[in-house]
Structure formats: structure tokens, C-alpha cells
Amino acid sequence: MADETRADHGALIRHRTVATPPPTGGDHGTLALVEPQGMSGLHRLVEEFDLRPTGHLERIVQTAVAEIEGARWATITVADESGLVTRAWTDRVARLIDQAQQDTDDGPVITIPATPGAVVHSCDLVADRRWPRFAPLARQLGAGAALCHRLGHQTRPMGVLSVYADRPAAFSVDSDRIARLLGLYAGIALDSEAVHRNFRSTARTRDVIGQAKGILMERLQLSPDRALALLVDRSAATRSSLRDVAEHLIAAGELS
């Protein structure tokens, strides 16, 4: 396939995202009215959604391409403290479209407002004057239109569900509705992932502290409460976290 032979645009570049004012010089966001499509894939996604993060983002982008009229590629991009990271993509070209925006610091994923629920729609990426650096790469990659939904809420790092077409004016009002719904599920998946990550960290901290308490109880013949108090005292004296004190004891065999 021709798309697979196009050159890579280089390694991912981390950057700070910025918001831009609404476009001028024409209506880039008009959506054609069409009859809704069948959404069997979306229904399956809803039925299978069980708050376990594994694989959900990948299923969401695949469902986007299968169920959104005009969609050829889809990605989910998330911002963390170091910049933007593409977390899920439908194929190599989809990731290159995201990467081209990261490389040029330009494009709908970069300029989408930080407001939760914000939408950026471009009927014609190549002709769209909002992204002059990204437009030539969009042309090379075959991207004709874009529909991007900002995920989540104010307390979570920014995420974007992006759907791309291989021709201009490909998306309808129904396309936007389905993308918005998929964006809600992507936001839930990211929240669930954060909860699982925090739970694992908390469980690990508890295990480390318990192991350190056991060492002190055995060596010094202390009660569980006294062993914990000794760890807490050392944490306060060294201005270190309780977990760091416990890990040092386990690794070095002595309190820091």
C-alpha cells in the first residue's frame, strides 16, 4: 500500500502544548448531515468495557475507524509532564500523522484548546491555513480531514482522540457524535489506568514498609507498632519518605 512506503519523519519530539484562538478566514468546521450508521462495534465496546485499562485505548481507536463515517486513521495522544505521547494508533500511517504534528509543533492535536470537551474539525487539512507547517506533511501522508476531541477534565493531563480521513469533507454530524462518545470512553479508560497505577504504587509501598517492619521486629525484638514508630522517627529525622527509609533498610540492612 502506498501509505506504508512513505518516509518516517523522525523520532517523537516532546513539547509543550498551546491553545490558539478560533480560526479565521472561512468555516473549517461545517459537518455534512447524513443518516446515522450502524454502530455494532460501538455497542460491543460498551458491553466489554469493564474499567480494566489494558487494551481499551487500542480498541477505541479501532472502533473509531470502523464506526465513524469517513474515518481512515485514529490515534489517542496524551500529555504528561514531559510532553505529548501517542498512546494508541490504528496503523503506522496514523502514528506518522501524529508524529508529524509533534515534529512541527503544529496541527490540530497541538492547537486544540485545553478546555475539556473542546473539538477541532478541519474539512481540508491541506488547505487549512491554521497549520502551515503541518499541511505539507498531511498532504504527503494522505490525510484529507481531521476531527479531534479533547478528552477528560481539568484534573487529568490533556488527552486527544483524533480521527483522520483520506479525503476532504469526509466527516458528518454523526461522525462527530460517535467521536464524542468514544472520547468519553477514552477518558474513562485513562482515569481507570491512573487508579490502577496508584493502587499498585500504594500496594507496593505497603509491602515494602511491612517487610522493613519485619526486619526490625526480628533483629531488635520489637512489637509491630514499635517497629513502625522507629521507621517513622527515622523518616522525620532524615526528611525522607517512609518508603525510602524502608527500601534503604531492606537493601542496606540498616536504617539510613
C-alpha atoms as a PDB file:
ATOM      1  CA  MET A   1       0.000   0.000   0.000  1.00  0.00           C
ATOM      2  CA  ALA A   2       1.296   3.411  -0.912  1.00  0.00           C
ATOM      3  CA  ASP A   3       0.782   4.805   2.568  1.00  0.00           C
ATOM      4  CA  GLU A   4       3.183   2.237   4.012  1.00  0.00           C
ATOM      5  CA  THR A   5       6.052   3.362   1.771  1.00  0.00           C
ATOM      6  CA  ARG A   6       6.086   6.979   2.837  1.00  0.00           C
ATOM      7  CA  ALA A   7       9.151   8.126   4.749  1.00  0.00           C
ATOM      8  CA  ASP A   8       9.198   8.389   8.526  1.00  0.00           C
ATOM      9  CA  HIS A   9       9.527  11.950   9.819  1.00  0.00           C
ATOM     10  CA  GLY A  10      11.924  11.166  12.666  1.00  0.00           C
ATOM     11  CA  ALA A  11      11.755  10.454  16.351  1.00  0.00           C
ATOM     12  CA  LEU A  12       8.997  11.819  18.550  1.00  0.00           C
ATOM     13  CA  ILE A  13       9.723  15.298  19.878  1.00  0.00           C
ATOM     14  CA  ARG A  14       8.401  16.245  23.304  1.00  0.00           C
ATOM     15  CA  HIS A  15       6.923  19.675  23.601  1.00  0.00           C
ATOM     16  CA  ARG A  16       4.585  21.983  25.446  1.00  0.00           C
ATOM     17  CA  THR A  17       1.034  22.160  24.117  1.00  0.00           C
ATOM     18  CA  VAL A  18      -0.562  25.547  23.481  1.00  0.00           C
ATOM     19  CA  ALA A  19      -4.085  26.754  22.838  1.00  0.00           C
ATOM     20  CA  THR A  20      -4.921  29.019  19.912  1.00  0.00           C
ATOM     21  CA  PRO A  21      -7.930  31.236  19.159  1.00  0.00           C
ATOM     22  CA  PRO A  22     -10.661  30.052  16.769  1.00  0.00           C
ATOM     23  CA  PRO A  23      -9.714  30.058  13.071  1.00  0.00           C
ATOM     24  CA  THR A  24     -10.483  32.944  10.757  1.00  0.00           C
ATOM     25  CA  GLY A  25     -10.886  33.209   7.043  1.00  0.00           C
ATOM     26  CA  GLY A  26     -13.515  30.599   6.390  1.00  0.00           C
ATOM     27  CA  ASP A  27     -15.615  27.885   8.025  1.00  0.00           C
ATOM     28  CA  HIS A  28     -13.409  24.867   8.561  1.00  0.00           C
ATOM     29  CA  GLY A  29     -15.830  23.082  10.853  1.00  0.00           C
ATOM     30  CA  THR A  30     -19.014  22.559   8.855  1.00  0.00           C
ATOM     31  CA  LEU A  31     -20.225  18.975   9.100  1.00  0.00           C
ATOM     32  CA  ALA A  32     -22.440  17.370   6.469  1.00  0.00           C
ATOM     33  CA  LEU A  33     -25.792  15.981   7.624  1.00  0.00           C
ATOM     34  CA  VAL A  34     -26.216  12.267   6.917  1.00  0.00           C
ATOM     35  CA  GLU A  35     -28.197   9.379   8.322  1.00  0.00           C
ATOM     36  CA  PRO A  36     -26.546   7.594  11.275  1.00  0.00           C
ATOM     37  CA  GLN A  37     -24.636   4.419  10.531  1.00  0.00           C
ATOM     38  CA  GLY A  38     -24.981   1.103  12.364  1.00  0.00           C
ATOM     39  CA  MET A  39     -22.818   1.034  15.476  1.00  0.00           C
ATOM     40  CA  SER A  40     -22.398  -2.664  16.288  1.00  0.00           C
ATOM     41  CA  GLY A  41     -18.699  -2.172  17.059  1.00  0.00           C
ATOM     42  CA  LEU A  42     -19.506   0.671  19.437  1.00  0.00           C
ATOM     43  CA  HIS A  43     -22.132  -1.437  21.182  1.00  0.00           C
ATOM     44  CA  ARG A  44     -19.595  -4.239  21.637  1.00  0.00           C
ATOM     45  CA  LEU A  45     -17.088  -1.773  23.065  1.00  0.00           C
ATOM     46  CA  VAL A  46     -19.650  -0.540  25.601  1.00  0.00           C
ATOM     47  CA  GLU A  47     -20.599  -4.085  26.584  1.00  0.00           C
ATOM     48  CA  GLU A  48     -16.963  -5.130  27.041  1.00  0.00           C
ATOM     49  CA  PHE A  49     -15.901  -2.009  28.942  1.00  0.00           C
ATOM     50  CA  ASP A  50     -15.076  -3.238  32.446  1.00  0.00           C
ATOM     51  CA  LEU A  51     -12.751  -0.493  33.810  1.00  0.00           C
ATOM     52  CA  ARG A  52      -9.609  -2.573  33.269  1.00  0.00           C
ATOM     53  CA  PRO A  53      -7.280  -0.294  31.294  1.00  0.00           C
ATOM     54  CA  THR A  54      -5.444  -2.977  29.343  1.00  0.00           C
ATOM     55  CA  GLY A  55      -6.227  -2.811  25.642  1.00  0.00           C
ATOM     56  CA  HIS A  56      -9.091  -0.312  25.877  1.00  0.00           C
ATOM     57  CA  LEU A  57      -7.317   2.553  24.117  1.00  0.00           C
ATOM     58  CA  GLU A  58      -6.370   0.280  21.223  1.00  0.00           C
ATOM     59  CA  ARG A  59      -9.956  -0.966  20.918  1.00  0.00           C
ATOM     60  CA  ILE A  60     -11.274   2.589  20.994  1.00  0.00           C
ATOM     61  CA  VAL A  61      -9.161   3.759  18.023  1.00  0.00           C
ATOM     62  CA  GLN A  62     -10.033   0.607  16.061  1.00  0.00           C
ATOM     63  CA  THR A  63     -13.724   1.152  16.814  1.00  0.00           C
ATOM     64  CA  ALA A  64     -13.389   4.779  15.704  1.00  0.00           C
ATOM     65  CA  VAL A  65     -12.173   3.725  12.261  1.00  0.00           C
ATOM     66  CA  ALA A  66     -14.805   1.003  11.977  1.00  0.00           C
ATOM     67  CA  GLU A  67     -17.794   3.076  13.100  1.00  0.00           C
ATOM     68  CA  ILE A  68     -17.124   6.725  12.208  1.00  0.00           C
ATOM     69  CA  GLU A  69     -18.131   7.568   8.671  1.00  0.00           C
ATOM     70  CA  GLY A  70     -15.154   8.784   6.648  1.00  0.00           C
ATOM     71  CA  ALA A  71     -12.541   7.702   9.204  1.00  0.00           C
ATOM     72  CA  ARG A  72      -9.375   6.077   7.866  1.00  0.00           C
ATOM     73  CA  TRP A  73      -6.989   6.533  10.822  1.00  0.00           C
ATOM     74  CA  ALA A  74      -7.326   7.262  14.534  1.00  0.00           C
ATOM     75  CA  THR A  75      -4.995   7.990  17.457  1.00  0.00           C
ATOM     76  CA  ILE A  76      -5.131   8.789  21.159  1.00  0.00           C
ATOM     77  CA  THR A  77      -2.493  11.261  22.315  1.00  0.00           C
ATOM     78  CA  VAL A  78      -1.838  12.073  25.971  1.00  0.00           C
ATOM     79  CA  ALA A  79       0.193  14.889  27.522  1.00  0.00           C
ATOM     80  CA  ASP A  80       2.319  14.211  30.567  1.00  0.00           C
ATOM     81  CA  GLU A  81       4.945  16.273  32.374  1.00  0.00           C
ATOM     82  CA  SER A  82       7.448  15.721  29.542  1.00  0.00           C
ATOM     83  CA  GLY A  83       5.212  16.410  26.533  1.00  0.00           C
ATOM     84  CA  LEU A  84       2.886  14.585  24.146  1.00  0.00           C
ATOM     85  CA  VAL A  85       2.870  10.809  23.773  1.00  0.00           C
ATOM     86  CA  THR A  86       0.816   8.857  21.224  1.00  0.00           C
ATOM     87  CA  ARG A  87      -0.698   6.079  23.330  1.00  0.00           C
ATOM     88  CA  ALA A  88      -2.807   4.259  20.726  1.00  0.00           C
ATOM     89  CA  TRP A  89      -2.963   4.276  16.930  1.00  0.00           C
ATOM     90  CA  THR A  90      -4.637   2.218  14.230  1.00  0.00           C
ATOM     91  CA  ASP A  91      -1.608   1.715  11.994  1.00  0.00           C
ATOM     92  CA  ARG A  92       1.794   3.135  11.056  1.00  0.00           C
ATOM     93  CA  VAL A  93       0.361   5.987   8.994  1.00  0.00           C
ATOM     94  CA  ALA A  94      -1.878   7.066  11.874  1.00  0.00           C
ATOM     95  CA  ARG A  95       1.131   7.331  14.140  1.00  0.00           C
ATOM     96  CA  LEU A  96       3.077   9.243  11.491  1.00  0.00           C
ATOM     97  CA  ILE A  97       0.262  11.797  11.244  1.00  0.00           C
ATOM     98  CA  ASP A  98       0.509  12.373  14.989  1.00  0.00           C
ATOM     99  CA  GLN A  99       4.288  12.376  14.838  1.00  0.00           C
ATOM    100  CA  ALA A 100       4.318  14.948  12.029  1.00  0.00           C
ATOM    101  CA  GLN A 101       2.401  17.327  14.290  1.00  0.00           C
ATOM    102  CA  GLN A 102       4.786  16.704  17.158  1.00  0.00           C
ATOM    103  CA  ASP A 103       7.807  17.226  14.908  1.00  0.00           C
ATOM    104  CA  THR A 104       6.488  20.558  13.569  1.00  0.00           C
ATOM    105  CA  ASP A 105       4.741  21.655  16.782  1.00  0.00           C
ATOM    106  CA  ASP A 106       1.768  22.377  14.546  1.00  0.00           C
ATOM    107  CA  GLY A 107      -1.573  20.800  13.720  1.00  0.00           C
ATOM    108  CA  PRO A 108      -4.970  20.166  15.334  1.00  0.00           C
ATOM    109  CA  VAL A 109      -3.594  17.943  18.118  1.00  0.00           C
ATOM    110  CA  ILE A 110      -1.163  20.699  19.106  1.00  0.00           C
ATOM    111  CA  THR A 111      -3.542  23.657  18.989  1.00  0.00           C
ATOM    112  CA  ILE A 112      -6.714  22.110  20.389  1.00  0.00           C
ATOM    113  CA  PRO A 113      -7.845  24.245  23.347  1.00  0.00           C
ATOM    114  CA  ALA A 114      -7.198  22.834  26.813  1.00  0.00           C
ATOM    115  CA  THR A 115     -10.886  23.127  27.690  1.00  0.00           C
ATOM    116  CA  PRO A 116     -12.406  19.681  28.363  1.00  0.00           C
ATOM    117  CA  GLY A 117     -14.717  18.698  25.528  1.00  0.00           C
ATOM    118  CA  ALA A 118     -13.100  21.064  23.028  1.00  0.00           C
ATOM    119  CA  VAL A 119     -13.334  19.993  19.381  1.00  0.00           C
ATOM    120  CA  VAL A 120     -11.184  20.894  16.391  1.00  0.00           C
ATOM    121  CA  HIS A 121     -12.541  19.983  12.949  1.00  0.00           C
ATOM    122  CA  SER A 122     -10.816  20.572   9.638  1.00  0.00           C
ATOM    123  CA  CYS A 123     -12.673  19.788   6.437  1.00  0.00           C
ATOM    124  CA  ASP A 124      -9.454  20.065   4.407  1.00  0.00           C
ATOM    125  CA  LEU A 125      -6.123  19.678   6.198  1.00  0.00           C
ATOM    126  CA  VAL A 126      -4.059  20.558   3.150  1.00  0.00           C
ATOM    127  CA  ALA A 127      -5.864  23.851   2.513  1.00  0.00           C
ATOM    128  CA  ASP A 128      -6.372  24.747   6.172  1.00  0.00           C
ATOM    129  CA  ARG A 129      -4.360  27.909   6.916  1.00  0.00           C
ATOM    130  CA  ARG A 130      -4.286  27.274  10.662  1.00  0.00           C
ATOM    131  CA  TRP A 131      -1.380  24.816  10.385  1.00  0.00           C
ATOM    132  CA  PRO A 132       1.066  25.909   7.662  1.00  0.00           C
ATOM    133  CA  ARG A 133       3.927  23.708   8.891  1.00  0.00           C
ATOM    134  CA  PHE A 134       1.812  20.584   9.259  1.00  0.00           C
ATOM    135  CA  ALA A 135      -0.165  20.932   5.995  1.00  0.00           C
ATOM    136  CA  PRO A 136       2.640  19.726   3.632  1.00  0.00           C
ATOM    137  CA  LEU A 137       3.183  16.617   5.768  1.00  0.00           C
ATOM    138  CA  ALA A 138      -0.556  15.956   5.888  1.00  0.00           C
ATOM    139  CA  ARG A 139      -0.524  16.016   2.092  1.00  0.00           C
ATOM    140  CA  GLN A 140       2.398  13.551   1.942  1.00  0.00           C
ATOM    141  CA  LEU A 141       0.695  11.176   4.354  1.00  0.00           C
ATOM    142  CA  GLY A 142      -2.642  11.328   2.532  1.00  0.00           C
ATOM    143  CA  ALA A 143      -4.640  12.930   5.348  1.00  0.00           C
ATOM    144  CA  GLY A 144      -7.546  14.967   3.977  1.00  0.00           C
ATOM    145  CA  ALA A 145      -9.626  15.884   7.035  1.00  0.00           C
ATOM    146  CA  ALA A 146      -9.359  15.757  10.828  1.00  0.00           C
ATOM    147  CA  LEU A 147     -11.735  15.560  13.771  1.00  0.00           C
ATOM    148  CA  CYS A 148     -10.108  15.935  17.211  1.00  0.00           C
ATOM    149  CA  HIS A 149     -11.807  15.722  20.604  1.00  0.00           C
ATOM    150  CA  ARG A 150     -10.130  16.880  23.791  1.00  0.00           C
ATOM    151  CA  LEU A 151     -10.564  14.207  26.483  1.00  0.00           C
ATOM    152  CA  GLY A 152     -11.176  14.399  30.167  1.00  0.00           C
ATOM    153  CA  HIS A 153     -11.450  17.097  32.749  1.00  0.00           C
ATOM    154  CA  GLN A 154      -9.357  19.769  34.378  1.00  0.00           C
ATOM    155  CA  THR A 155      -7.667  17.452  36.897  1.00  0.00           C
ATOM    156  CA  ARG A 156      -6.278  14.991  34.370  1.00  0.00           C
ATOM    157  CA  PRO A 157      -3.445  15.657  31.904  1.00  0.00           C
ATOM    158  CA  MET A 158      -4.707  16.553  28.449  1.00  0.00           C
ATOM    159  CA  GLY A 159      -5.642  13.787  26.049  1.00  0.00           C
ATOM    160  CA  VAL A 160      -6.910  13.951  22.472  1.00  0.00           C
ATOM    161  CA  LEU A 161      -8.840  11.437  20.381  1.00  0.00           C
ATOM    162  CA  SER A 162      -8.025  12.249  16.747  1.00  0.00           C
ATOM    163  CA  VAL A 163      -9.763  10.792  13.704  1.00  0.00           C
ATOM    164  CA  TYR A 164      -8.397  11.385  10.214  1.00  0.00           C
ATOM    165  CA  ALA A 165      -9.902  10.873   6.765  1.00  0.00           C
ATOM    166  CA  ASP A 166      -8.104  10.268   3.471  1.00  0.00           C
ATOM    167  CA  ARG A 167     -10.240  12.855   1.653  1.00  0.00           C
ATOM    168  CA  PRO A 168     -11.601  16.341   2.403  1.00  0.00           C
ATOM    169  CA  ALA A 169     -15.121  16.915   3.788  1.00  0.00           C
ATOM    170  CA  ALA A 170     -15.378  13.300   4.912  1.00  0.00           C
ATOM    171  CA  PHE A 171     -16.992  13.770   8.333  1.00  0.00           C
ATOM    172  CA  SER A 172     -20.661  14.256   9.187  1.00  0.00           C
ATOM    173  CA  VAL A 173     -22.564  15.377  12.258  1.00  0.00           C
ATOM    174  CA  ASP A 174     -22.991  11.706  13.087  1.00  0.00           C
ATOM    175  CA  SER A 175     -19.212  11.266  12.838  1.00  0.00           C
ATOM    176  CA  ASP A 176     -18.791  13.950  15.475  1.00  0.00           C
ATOM    177  CA  ARG A 177     -21.364  12.352  17.784  1.00  0.00           C
ATOM    178  CA  ILE A 178     -19.676   8.960  17.677  1.00  0.00           C
ATOM    179  CA  ALA A 179     -16.233  10.520  18.149  1.00  0.00           C
ATOM    180  CA  ARG A 180     -17.525  12.406  21.168  1.00  0.00           C
ATOM    181  CA  LEU A 181     -18.906   9.201  22.708  1.00  0.00           C
ATOM    182  CA  LEU A 182     -15.669   7.329  22.058  1.00  0.00           C
ATOM    183  CA  GLY A 183     -13.813  10.236  23.620  1.00  0.00           C
ATOM    184  CA  LEU A 184     -15.831   9.776  26.804  1.00  0.00           C
ATOM    185  CA  TYR A 185     -14.816   6.120  26.958  1.00  0.00           C
ATOM    186  CA  ALA A 186     -11.190   7.014  26.278  1.00  0.00           C
ATOM    187  CA  GLY A 187     -11.317   9.439  29.199  1.00  0.00           C
ATOM    188  CA  ILE A 188     -12.758   6.734  31.463  1.00  0.00           C
ATOM    189  CA  ALA A 189     -10.034   4.312  30.344  1.00  0.00           C
ATOM    190  CA  LEU A 190      -7.316   6.844  31.161  1.00  0.00           C
ATOM    191  CA  ASP A 191      -8.869   7.539  34.569  1.00  0.00           C
ATOM    192  CA  SER A 192      -9.069   3.812  35.262  1.00  0.00           C
ATOM    193  CA  GLU A 193      -5.446   3.426  34.259  1.00  0.00           C
ATOM    194  CA  ALA A 194      -4.431   6.128  36.726  1.00  0.00           C
ATOM    195  CA  VAL A 195      -6.437   4.455  39.515  1.00  0.00           C
ATOM    196  CA  HIS A 196      -4.782   1.100  38.826  1.00  0.00           C
ATOM    197  CA  ARG A 197      -1.358   2.727  38.731  1.00  0.00           C
ATOM    198  CA  ASN A 198      -1.930   4.468  42.061  1.00  0.00           C
ATOM    199  CA  PHE A 199      -3.293   1.273  43.575  1.00  0.00           C
ATOM    200  CA  ARG A 200      -0.223  -0.690  42.517  1.00  0.00           C
ATOM    201  CA  SER A 201       2.064   2.014  43.926  1.00  0.00           C
ATOM    202  CA  THR A 202       0.166   2.064  47.213  1.00  0.00           C
ATOM    203  CA  ALA A 203       0.246  -1.718  47.474  1.00  0.00           C
ATOM    204  CA  ARG A 204       3.976  -1.756  46.760  1.00  0.00           C
ATOM    205  CA  THR A 205       4.616   0.897  49.433  1.00  0.00           C
ATOM    206  CA  ARG A 206       2.623  -1.080  51.973  1.00  0.00           C
ATOM    207  CA  ASP A 207       4.568  -4.264  51.161  1.00  0.00           C
ATOM    208  CA  VAL A 208       7.945  -2.508  51.445  1.00  0.00           C
ATOM    209  CA  ILE A 209       7.079  -0.964  54.789  1.00  0.00           C
ATOM    210  CA  GLY A 210       5.763  -4.299  56.054  1.00  0.00           C
ATOM    211  CA  GLN A 211       8.980  -6.018  55.039  1.00  0.00           C
ATOM    212  CA  ALA A 212      11.073  -3.369  56.791  1.00  0.00           C
ATOM    213  CA  LYS A 213       8.943  -3.686  59.939  1.00  0.00           C
ATOM    214  CA  GLY A 214       9.536  -7.437  59.880  1.00  0.00           C
ATOM    215  CA  ILE A 215      13.299  -6.921  59.720  1.00  0.00           C
ATOM    216  CA  LEU A 216      13.243  -4.590  62.736  1.00  0.00           C
ATOM    217  CA  MET A 217      10.900  -6.864  64.702  1.00  0.00           C
ATOM    218  CA  GLU A 218      13.194  -9.846  64.161  1.00  0.00           C
ATOM    219  CA  ARG A 219      16.510  -8.078  64.782  1.00  0.00           C
ATOM    220  CA  LEU A 220      15.501  -5.831  67.678  1.00  0.00           C
ATOM    221  CA  GLN A 221      12.684  -7.925  69.130  1.00  0.00           C
ATOM    222  CA  LEU A 222      10.201  -5.092  68.672  1.00  0.00           C
ATOM    223  CA  SER A 223       6.437  -5.127  68.503  1.00  0.00           C
ATOM    224  CA  PRO A 224       4.847  -4.191  65.129  1.00  0.00           C
ATOM    225  CA  ASP A 225       3.812  -0.760  66.475  1.00  0.00           C
ATOM    226  CA  ARG A 226       7.282  -0.032  67.871  1.00  0.00           C
ATOM    227  CA  ALA A 227       8.958  -1.126  64.626  1.00  0.00           C
ATOM    228  CA  LEU A 228       6.704   1.204  62.648  1.00  0.00           C
ATOM    229  CA  ALA A 229       7.364   4.042  65.082  1.00  0.00           C
ATOM    230  CA  LEU A 230      11.106   3.569  64.603  1.00  0.00           C
ATOM    231  CA  LEU A 231      10.692   3.825  60.822  1.00  0.00           C
ATOM    232  CA  VAL A 232       8.547   6.937  61.202  1.00  0.00           C
ATOM    233  CA  ASP A 233      11.090   8.549  63.521  1.00  0.00           C
ATOM    234  CA  ARG A 234      13.893   7.864  61.036  1.00  0.00           C
ATOM    235  CA  SER A 235      11.782   9.249  58.202  1.00  0.00           C
ATOM    236  CA  ALA A 236      11.237  12.500  60.110  1.00  0.00           C
ATOM    237  CA  ALA A 237      14.884  12.758  61.167  1.00  0.00           C
ATOM    238  CA  THR A 238      16.227  12.310  57.639  1.00  0.00           C
ATOM    239  CA  ARG A 239      13.382  14.173  55.888  1.00  0.00           C
ATOM    240  CA  SER A 240      12.914  11.117  53.693  1.00  0.00           C
ATOM    241  CA  SER A 241       9.706   9.356  52.781  1.00  0.00           C
ATOM    242  CA  LEU A 242       8.722   6.362  54.851  1.00  0.00           C
ATOM    243  CA  ARG A 243       9.015   4.203  51.758  1.00  0.00           C
ATOM    244  CA  ASP A 244      12.563   5.431  51.054  1.00  0.00           C
ATOM    245  CA  VAL A 245      13.618   4.628  54.632  1.00  0.00           C
ATOM    246  CA  ALA A 246      12.089   1.153  54.356  1.00  0.00           C
ATOM    247  CA  GLU A 247      13.719   0.450  50.993  1.00  0.00           C
ATOM    248  CA  HIS A 248      17.115   1.546  52.340  1.00  0.00           C
ATOM    249  CA  LEU A 249      16.749  -0.780  55.306  1.00  0.00           C
ATOM    250  CA  ILE A 250      15.862  -3.697  53.044  1.00  0.00           C
ATOM    251  CA  ALA A 251      18.707  -3.014  50.602  1.00  0.00           C
ATOM    252  CA  ALA A 252      21.493  -1.949  53.020  1.00  0.00           C
ATOM    253  CA  GLY A 253      20.484  -3.839  56.126  1.00  0.00           C
ATOM    254  CA  GLU A 254      20.488  -0.707  58.279  1.00  0.00           C
ATOM    255  CA  LEU A 255      18.428   2.423  58.814  1.00  0.00           C
ATOM    256  CA  SER A 256      19.526   5.422  56.759  1.00  0.00           C
END
